[in-house]
Amino acid sequence: MTGFSLKAQHDAVLFDLDGVLVDSRKPFARSVNSALSAHGLPERPERELYQYLGPPIHETFRALVGEQALIQPCVNTYRTRYESLAASETTVFPGVRELLEGLSEQWPLTIATSKPRALAEPLTEALDLRRFFISVVGPELASENEHKAVTVGRAMQSLSSGSRPVMVGDRKYDVVAAHAHGIPAIGVLWGIGTAAELRGAGADALAQIGRAHV
């Protein structure tokens, strides 16, 4: 991931988690299908489910099951499996650890994720990423649909007053949330979001493994 750089006016970085730091497609899709199957619904091809990785999990099941009464039971089943197997099924993207090693020596880093903090923080600990971040910010388990802009706002509060952060994400939700707070967003191309999605949301720059470009 050489060539990934930040402009001089920035002095902190907010990172999305899934699709940016870690590849969580496998545990996500398998846990979604486990929940669907457990509640008598047909499983979906794993690749078909990747598009749902990013927004809050309640939104995913609202789109997949259609029946309001099944959403929370599916979420509960999903979380039970995810919590037990995520660490063994999730991988850190190549080059991320080295990137964080360098950046964390220069700027404060924090995670702003739509994954509940109760799941995100243990996952970063298990993957030996937690040490690079001053905080891991995500919704509480009881929250059904915390907007990413709210999460980003809370992550910014963990930084020093007057900080000038940049958001790094892989979906349009990250870009829109960053711009809601008047901060720039770098869209990465090794996650779920495409260049078209990120540019359409107004990403200030795109980055791919090996280089970053506007």
C-alpha atoms as a PDB file:
ATOM      1  CA  MET A   1       0.000   0.000   0.000  1.00  0.00           C
ATOM      2  CA  THR A   2       2.921   2.262  -0.707  1.00  0.00           C
ATOM      3  CA  GLY A   3       2.087   5.677  -2.084  1.00  0.00           C
ATOM      4  CA  PHE A   4      -0.873   6.219   0.257  1.00  0.00           C
ATOM      5  CA  SER A   5      -0.301   9.714   1.596  1.00  0.00           C
ATOM      6  CA  LEU A   6      -2.103  12.574   3.295  1.00  0.00           C
ATOM      7  CA  LYS A   7      -1.868  16.279   2.606  1.00  0.00           C
ATOM      8  CA  ALA A   8      -0.021  18.510   5.028  1.00  0.00           C
ATOM      9  CA  GLN A   9      -3.173  20.255   6.267  1.00  0.00           C
ATOM     10  CA  HIS A  10      -4.485  17.039   7.822  1.00  0.00           C
ATOM     11  CA  ASP A  11      -3.358  15.962  11.277  1.00  0.00           C
ATOM     12  CA  ALA A  12      -5.589  12.970  12.133  1.00  0.00           C
ATOM     13  CA  VAL A  13      -7.230  10.057  10.327  1.00  0.00           C
ATOM     14  CA  LEU A  14     -10.583   8.370  10.764  1.00  0.00           C
ATOM     15  CA  PHE A  15     -10.757   4.863   9.307  1.00  0.00           C
ATOM     16  CA  ASP A  16     -13.747   2.770   8.438  1.00  0.00           C
ATOM     17  CA  LEU A  17     -13.135  -0.842   9.463  1.00  0.00           C
ATOM     18  CA  ASP A  18     -14.774  -3.365   7.119  1.00  0.00           C
ATOM     19  CA  GLY A  19     -13.491  -3.095   3.565  1.00  0.00           C
ATOM     20  CA  VAL A  20     -10.706  -0.682   4.532  1.00  0.00           C
ATOM     21  CA  LEU A  21      -8.622  -2.271   7.262  1.00  0.00           C
ATOM     22  CA  VAL A  22     -10.016  -5.784   7.189  1.00  0.00           C
ATOM     23  CA  ASP A  23     -11.621  -8.132   4.681  1.00  0.00           C
ATOM     24  CA  SER A  24     -14.754  -9.280   6.489  1.00  0.00           C
ATOM     25  CA  ARG A  25     -16.692 -10.545   3.492  1.00  0.00           C
ATOM     26  CA  LYS A  26     -16.464 -14.190   4.519  1.00  0.00           C
ATOM     27  CA  PRO A  27     -17.745 -13.893   8.122  1.00  0.00           C
ATOM     28  CA  PHE A  28     -20.348 -11.327   7.053  1.00  0.00           C
ATOM     29  CA  ALA A  29     -21.853 -13.424   4.252  1.00  0.00           C
ATOM     30  CA  ARG A  30     -21.675 -16.679   6.192  1.00  0.00           C
ATOM     31  CA  SER A  31     -23.268 -15.110   9.252  1.00  0.00           C
ATOM     32  CA  VAL A  32     -26.050 -13.541   7.180  1.00  0.00           C
ATOM     33  CA  ASN A  33     -26.799 -16.896   5.535  1.00  0.00           C
ATOM     34  CA  SER A  34     -26.688 -18.655   8.894  1.00  0.00           C
ATOM     35  CA  ALA A  35     -29.324 -16.242  10.161  1.00  0.00           C
ATOM     36  CA  LEU A  36     -31.494 -16.602   7.070  1.00  0.00           C
ATOM     37  CA  SER A  37     -31.347 -20.396   7.256  1.00  0.00           C
ATOM     38  CA  ALA A  38     -32.051 -20.470  10.993  1.00  0.00           C
ATOM     39  CA  HIS A  39     -35.275 -18.522  10.435  1.00  0.00           C
ATOM     40  CA  GLY A  40     -36.551 -20.561   7.523  1.00  0.00           C
ATOM     41  CA  LEU A  41     -35.408 -18.263   4.735  1.00  0.00           C
ATOM     42  CA  PRO A  42     -33.384 -19.215   1.655  1.00  0.00           C
ATOM     43  CA  GLU A  43     -29.663 -18.548   1.725  1.00  0.00           C
ATOM     44  CA  ARG A  44     -28.150 -16.198  -0.843  1.00  0.00           C
ATOM     45  CA  PRO A  45     -24.962 -16.574  -2.901  1.00  0.00           C
ATOM     46  CA  GLU A  46     -22.153 -15.091  -0.832  1.00  0.00           C
ATOM     47  CA  ARG A  47     -21.042 -12.682  -3.548  1.00  0.00           C
ATOM     48  CA  GLU A  48     -24.594 -11.348  -3.797  1.00  0.00           C
ATOM     49  CA  LEU A  49     -24.438 -10.389  -0.124  1.00  0.00           C
ATOM     50  CA  TYR A  50     -21.253  -8.324  -0.322  1.00  0.00           C
ATOM     51  CA  GLN A  51     -23.194  -5.262  -1.484  1.00  0.00           C
ATOM     52  CA  TYR A  52     -24.880  -5.153   1.925  1.00  0.00           C
ATOM     53  CA  LEU A  53     -21.588  -4.831   3.797  1.00  0.00           C
ATOM     54  CA  GLY A  54     -21.288  -1.275   5.065  1.00  0.00           C
ATOM     55  CA  PRO A  55     -24.665  -0.049   6.347  1.00  0.00           C
ATOM     56  CA  PRO A  56     -26.021  -1.099   9.776  1.00  0.00           C
ATOM     57  CA  ILE A  57     -26.945  -4.790   9.919  1.00  0.00           C
ATOM     58  CA  HIS A  58     -30.617  -4.002  10.604  1.00  0.00           C
ATOM     59  CA  GLU A  59     -30.755  -2.350   7.174  1.00  0.00           C
ATOM     60  CA  THR A  60     -29.301  -5.481   5.612  1.00  0.00           C
ATOM     61  CA  PHE A  61     -31.954  -7.750   7.054  1.00  0.00           C
ATOM     62  CA  ARG A  62     -34.696  -5.226   6.373  1.00  0.00           C
ATOM     63  CA  ALA A  63     -33.743  -5.507   2.694  1.00  0.00           C
ATOM     64  CA  LEU A  64     -33.327  -9.288   2.741  1.00  0.00           C
ATOM     65  CA  VAL A  65     -36.230 -10.627   4.775  1.00  0.00           C
ATOM     66  CA  GLY A  66     -39.002  -8.121   4.132  1.00  0.00           C
ATOM     67  CA  GLU A  67     -40.919  -9.191   7.241  1.00  0.00           C
ATOM     68  CA  GLN A  68     -40.458  -6.739  10.118  1.00  0.00           C
ATOM     69  CA  ALA A  69     -40.957  -9.395  12.803  1.00  0.00           C
ATOM     70  CA  LEU A  70     -37.974 -11.390  11.531  1.00  0.00           C
ATOM     71  CA  ILE A  71     -35.440  -8.566  11.412  1.00  0.00           C
ATOM     72  CA  GLN A  72     -34.354  -8.545  15.061  1.00  0.00           C
ATOM     73  CA  PRO A  73     -34.287 -12.375  15.381  1.00  0.00           C
ATOM     74  CA  CYS A  74     -32.085 -12.509  12.272  1.00  0.00           C
ATOM     75  CA  VAL A  75     -29.823  -9.803  13.677  1.00  0.00           C
ATOM     76  CA  ASN A  76     -29.477 -11.728  16.942  1.00  0.00           C
ATOM     77  CA  THR A  77     -28.585 -14.970  15.156  1.00  0.00           C
ATOM     78  CA  TYR A  78     -26.164 -13.152  12.879  1.00  0.00           C
ATOM     79  CA  ARG A  79     -24.375 -11.544  15.810  1.00  0.00           C
ATOM     80  CA  THR A  80     -24.081 -14.791  17.744  1.00  0.00           C
ATOM     81  CA  ARG A  81     -22.256 -16.491  14.887  1.00  0.00           C
ATOM     82  CA  TYR A  82     -20.257 -13.413  13.932  1.00  0.00           C
ATOM     83  CA  GLU A  83     -19.010 -12.841  17.454  1.00  0.00           C
ATOM     84  CA  SER A  84     -17.718 -16.393  17.767  1.00  0.00           C
ATOM     85  CA  LEU A  85     -16.114 -16.776  14.325  1.00  0.00           C
ATOM     86  CA  ALA A  86     -15.237 -13.300  13.043  1.00  0.00           C
ATOM     87  CA  ALA A  87     -11.676 -13.318  14.368  1.00  0.00           C
ATOM     88  CA  SER A  88     -10.852 -16.599  12.614  1.00  0.00           C
ATOM     89  CA  GLU A  89     -12.586 -15.704   9.336  1.00  0.00           C
ATOM     90  CA  THR A  90     -11.493 -12.057   8.993  1.00  0.00           C
ATOM     91  CA  THR A  91      -8.169 -11.088   7.452  1.00  0.00           C
ATOM     92  CA  VAL A  92      -6.205  -7.836   7.510  1.00  0.00           C
ATOM     93  CA  PHE A  93      -5.731  -6.434   4.020  1.00  0.00           C
ATOM     94  CA  PRO A  94      -2.139  -6.677   2.722  1.00  0.00           C
ATOM     95  CA  GLY A  95      -0.101  -3.615   3.603  1.00  0.00           C
ATOM     96  CA  VAL A  96      -2.572  -2.251   6.164  1.00  0.00           C
ATOM     97  CA  ARG A  97      -0.501  -3.131   9.204  1.00  0.00           C
ATOM     98  CA  GLU A  98       2.546  -1.412   7.723  1.00  0.00           C
ATOM     99  CA  LEU A  99       0.446   1.623   6.782  1.00  0.00           C
ATOM    100  CA  LEU A 100      -0.885   1.932  10.320  1.00  0.00           C
ATOM    101  CA  GLU A 101       2.583   1.501  11.813  1.00  0.00           C
ATOM    102  CA  GLY A 102       3.777   4.551   9.903  1.00  0.00           C
ATOM    103  CA  LEU A 103       0.689   6.735  10.273  1.00  0.00           C
ATOM    104  CA  SER A 104       0.245   6.105  14.008  1.00  0.00           C
ATOM    105  CA  GLU A 105       3.732   7.476  14.644  1.00  0.00           C
ATOM    106  CA  GLN A 106       2.708  10.787  13.066  1.00  0.00           C
ATOM    107  CA  TRP A 107      -1.011  11.322  13.730  1.00  0.00           C
ATOM    108  CA  PRO A 108      -3.773  10.152  16.048  1.00  0.00           C
ATOM    109  CA  LEU A 109      -5.892   7.471  14.358  1.00  0.00           C
ATOM    110  CA  THR A 110      -9.407   6.374  15.219  1.00  0.00           C
ATOM    111  CA  ILE A 111     -11.904   3.891  13.806  1.00  0.00           C
ATOM    112  CA  ALA A 112     -15.394   5.037  12.847  1.00  0.00           C
ATOM    113  CA  THR A 113     -17.434   1.981  11.898  1.00  0.00           C
ATOM    114  CA  SER A 114     -21.082   1.022  11.526  1.00  0.00           C
ATOM    115  CA  LYS A 115     -20.231  -2.291  13.176  1.00  0.00           C
ATOM    116  CA  PRO A 116     -21.304  -2.178  16.835  1.00  0.00           C
ATOM    117  CA  ARG A 117     -18.395  -1.211  19.043  1.00  0.00           C
ATOM    118  CA  ALA A 118     -18.978  -4.339  21.140  1.00  0.00           C
ATOM    119  CA  LEU A 119     -18.046  -6.411  18.066  1.00  0.00           C
ATOM    120  CA  ALA A 120     -15.518  -4.074  16.453  1.00  0.00           C
ATOM    121  CA  GLU A 121     -13.231  -3.534  19.426  1.00  0.00           C
ATOM    122  CA  PRO A 122     -12.666  -7.233  20.255  1.00  0.00           C
ATOM    123  CA  LEU A 123     -12.078  -7.915  16.551  1.00  0.00           C
ATOM    124  CA  THR A 124      -9.361  -5.269  16.300  1.00  0.00           C
ATOM    125  CA  GLU A 125      -7.783  -6.659  19.468  1.00  0.00           C
ATOM    126  CA  ALA A 126      -7.796 -10.194  18.080  1.00  0.00           C
ATOM    127  CA  LEU A 127      -6.217  -9.039  14.802  1.00  0.00           C
ATOM    128  CA  ASP A 128      -3.577  -6.952  16.634  1.00  0.00           C
ATOM    129  CA  LEU A 129      -4.822  -3.650  15.194  1.00  0.00           C
ATOM    130  CA  ARG A 130      -6.247  -2.012  18.307  1.00  0.00           C
ATOM    131  CA  ARG A 131      -2.853  -0.705  19.442  1.00  0.00           C
ATOM    132  CA  PHE A 132      -2.705   1.725  16.517  1.00  0.00           C
ATOM    133  CA  PHE A 133      -5.887   3.613  17.436  1.00  0.00           C
ATOM    134  CA  ILE A 134      -6.769   6.050  20.170  1.00  0.00           C
ATOM    135  CA  SER A 135     -10.402   4.904  19.984  1.00  0.00           C
ATOM    136  CA  VAL A 136     -12.789   2.520  18.243  1.00  0.00           C
ATOM    137  CA  VAL A 137     -16.162   4.188  17.712  1.00  0.00           C
ATOM    138  CA  GLY A 138     -19.278   2.346  16.597  1.00  0.00           C
ATOM    139  CA  PRO A 139     -22.967   2.161  17.495  1.00  0.00           C
ATOM    140  CA  GLU A 140     -24.181   0.454  20.641  1.00  0.00           C
ATOM    141  CA  LEU A 141     -25.753  -2.968  20.167  1.00  0.00           C
ATOM    142  CA  ALA A 142     -29.210  -1.570  20.911  1.00  0.00           C
ATOM    143  CA  SER A 143     -28.932   0.948  18.083  1.00  0.00           C
ATOM    144  CA  GLU A 144     -30.774  -0.167  14.959  1.00  0.00           C
ATOM    145  CA  ASN A 145     -29.835   2.494  12.438  1.00  0.00           C
ATOM    146  CA  GLU A 146     -27.198   4.958  13.588  1.00  0.00           C
ATOM    147  CA  HIS A 147     -26.346   7.151  10.610  1.00  0.00           C
ATOM    148  CA  LYS A 148     -22.666   7.019   9.702  1.00  0.00           C
ATOM    149  CA  ALA A 149     -22.462  10.800  10.105  1.00  0.00           C
ATOM    150  CA  VAL A 150     -23.392  10.385  13.777  1.00  0.00           C
ATOM    151  CA  THR A 151     -20.667   7.775  14.211  1.00  0.00           C
ATOM    152  CA  VAL A 152     -18.105   9.979  12.476  1.00  0.00           C
ATOM    153  CA  GLY A 153     -19.112  12.904  14.681  1.00  0.00           C
ATOM    154  CA  ARG A 154     -18.526  10.864  17.822  1.00  0.00           C
ATOM    155  CA  ALA A 155     -15.179   9.657  16.474  1.00  0.00           C
ATOM    156  CA  MET A 156     -14.135  13.270  15.868  1.00  0.00           C
ATOM    157  CA  GLN A 157     -14.901  14.062  19.493  1.00  0.00           C
ATOM    158  CA  SER A 158     -12.159  11.631  20.520  1.00  0.00           C
ATOM    159  CA  LEU A 159      -9.605  13.857  18.768  1.00  0.00           C
ATOM    160  CA  SER A 160      -8.072  17.023  20.134  1.00  0.00           C
ATOM    161  CA  SER A 161     -10.043  20.218  19.671  1.00  0.00           C
ATOM    162  CA  GLY A 162      -9.116  21.854  16.387  1.00  0.00           C
ATOM    163  CA  SER A 163      -7.994  18.619  14.735  1.00  0.00           C
ATOM    164  CA  ARG A 164      -8.231  18.472  10.951  1.00  0.00           C
ATOM    165  CA  PRO A 165      -8.974  14.843  10.165  1.00  0.00           C
ATOM    166  CA  VAL A 166      -9.574  13.031   6.917  1.00  0.00           C
ATOM    167  CA  MET A 167     -11.941  10.067   6.578  1.00  0.00           C
ATOM    168  CA  VAL A 168     -10.830   6.882   4.826  1.00  0.00           C
ATOM    169  CA  GLY A 169     -13.643   4.567   3.711  1.00  0.00           C
ATOM    170  CA  ASP A 170     -14.755   2.193   0.973  1.00  0.00           C
ATOM    171  CA  ARG A 171     -18.456   3.033   0.589  1.00  0.00           C
ATOM    172  CA  LYS A 172     -20.533   6.068  -0.290  1.00  0.00           C
ATOM    173  CA  TYR A 173     -21.795   6.169   3.304  1.00  0.00           C
ATOM    174  CA  ASP A 174     -18.289   7.053   4.501  1.00  0.00           C
ATOM    175  CA  VAL A 175     -17.941   9.861   1.978  1.00  0.00           C
ATOM    176  CA  VAL A 176     -21.345  11.374   2.735  1.00  0.00           C
ATOM    177  CA  ALA A 177     -20.705  11.148   6.494  1.00  0.00           C
ATOM    178  CA  ALA A 178     -17.324  12.853   6.209  1.00  0.00           C
ATOM    179  CA  HIS A 179     -18.720  15.687   4.109  1.00  0.00           C
ATOM    180  CA  ALA A 180     -21.555  16.177   6.601  1.00  0.00           C
ATOM    181  CA  HIS A 181     -18.829  17.288   9.031  1.00  0.00           C
ATOM    182  CA  GLY A 182     -16.910  19.309   6.477  1.00  0.00           C
ATOM    183  CA  ILE A 183     -13.937  16.959   6.285  1.00  0.00           C
ATOM    184  CA  PRO A 184     -12.488  15.314   3.153  1.00  0.00           C
ATOM    185  CA  ALA A 185     -12.920  11.640   2.332  1.00  0.00           C
ATOM    186  CA  ILE A 186     -10.501   9.261   0.659  1.00  0.00           C
ATOM    187  CA  GLY A 187     -12.216   6.300  -0.983  1.00  0.00           C
ATOM    188  CA  VAL A 188     -10.250   3.046  -1.127  1.00  0.00           C
ATOM    189  CA  LEU A 189     -10.672   0.655  -4.035  1.00  0.00           C
ATOM    190  CA  TRP A 190      -9.745  -2.624  -2.344  1.00  0.00           C
ATOM    191  CA  GLY A 191     -13.030  -2.833  -0.416  1.00  0.00           C
ATOM    192  CA  ILE A 192     -16.651  -3.181  -1.517  1.00  0.00           C
ATOM    193  CA  GLY A 193     -17.316   0.197  -3.102  1.00  0.00           C
ATOM    194  CA  THR A 194     -16.412   0.848  -6.726  1.00  0.00           C
ATOM    195  CA  ALA A 195     -14.704   3.911  -8.139  1.00  0.00           C
ATOM    196  CA  ALA A 196     -18.044   4.908  -9.674  1.00  0.00           C
ATOM    197  CA  GLU A 197     -19.825   4.661  -6.308  1.00  0.00           C
ATOM    198  CA  LEU A 198     -17.143   6.631  -4.483  1.00  0.00           C
ATOM    199  CA  ARG A 199     -16.790   9.304  -7.153  1.00  0.00           C
ATOM    200  CA  GLY A 200     -20.566   9.596  -7.362  1.00  0.00           C
ATOM    201  CA  ALA A 201     -20.673  10.287  -3.634  1.00  0.00           C
ATOM    202  CA  GLY A 202     -18.055  13.004  -4.055  1.00  0.00           C
ATOM    203  CA  ALA A 203     -14.894  11.345  -2.740  1.00  0.00           C
ATOM    204  CA  ASP A 204     -12.064  13.857  -2.620  1.00  0.00           C
ATOM    205  CA  ALA A 205      -9.522  11.241  -3.687  1.00  0.00           C
ATOM    206  CA  LEU A 206      -9.340   7.544  -4.478  1.00  0.00           C
ATOM    207  CA  ALA A 207      -6.641   5.174  -3.301  1.00  0.00           C
ATOM    208  CA  GLN A 208      -5.682   1.710  -4.390  1.00  0.00           C
ATOM    209  CA  ILE A 209      -2.969  -0.632  -3.273  1.00  0.00           C
ATOM    210  CA  GLY A 210       0.269   0.840  -4.512  1.00  0.00           C
ATOM    211  CA  ARG A 211      -0.851   4.425  -5.109  1.00  0.00           C
ATOM    212  CA  ALA A 212      -3.317   7.160  -4.298  1.00  0.00           C
ATOM    213  CA  HIS A 213      -4.836   9.516  -6.841  1.00  0.00           C
ATOM    214  CA  VAL A 214      -7.350  12.334  -7.114  1.00  0.00           C
END
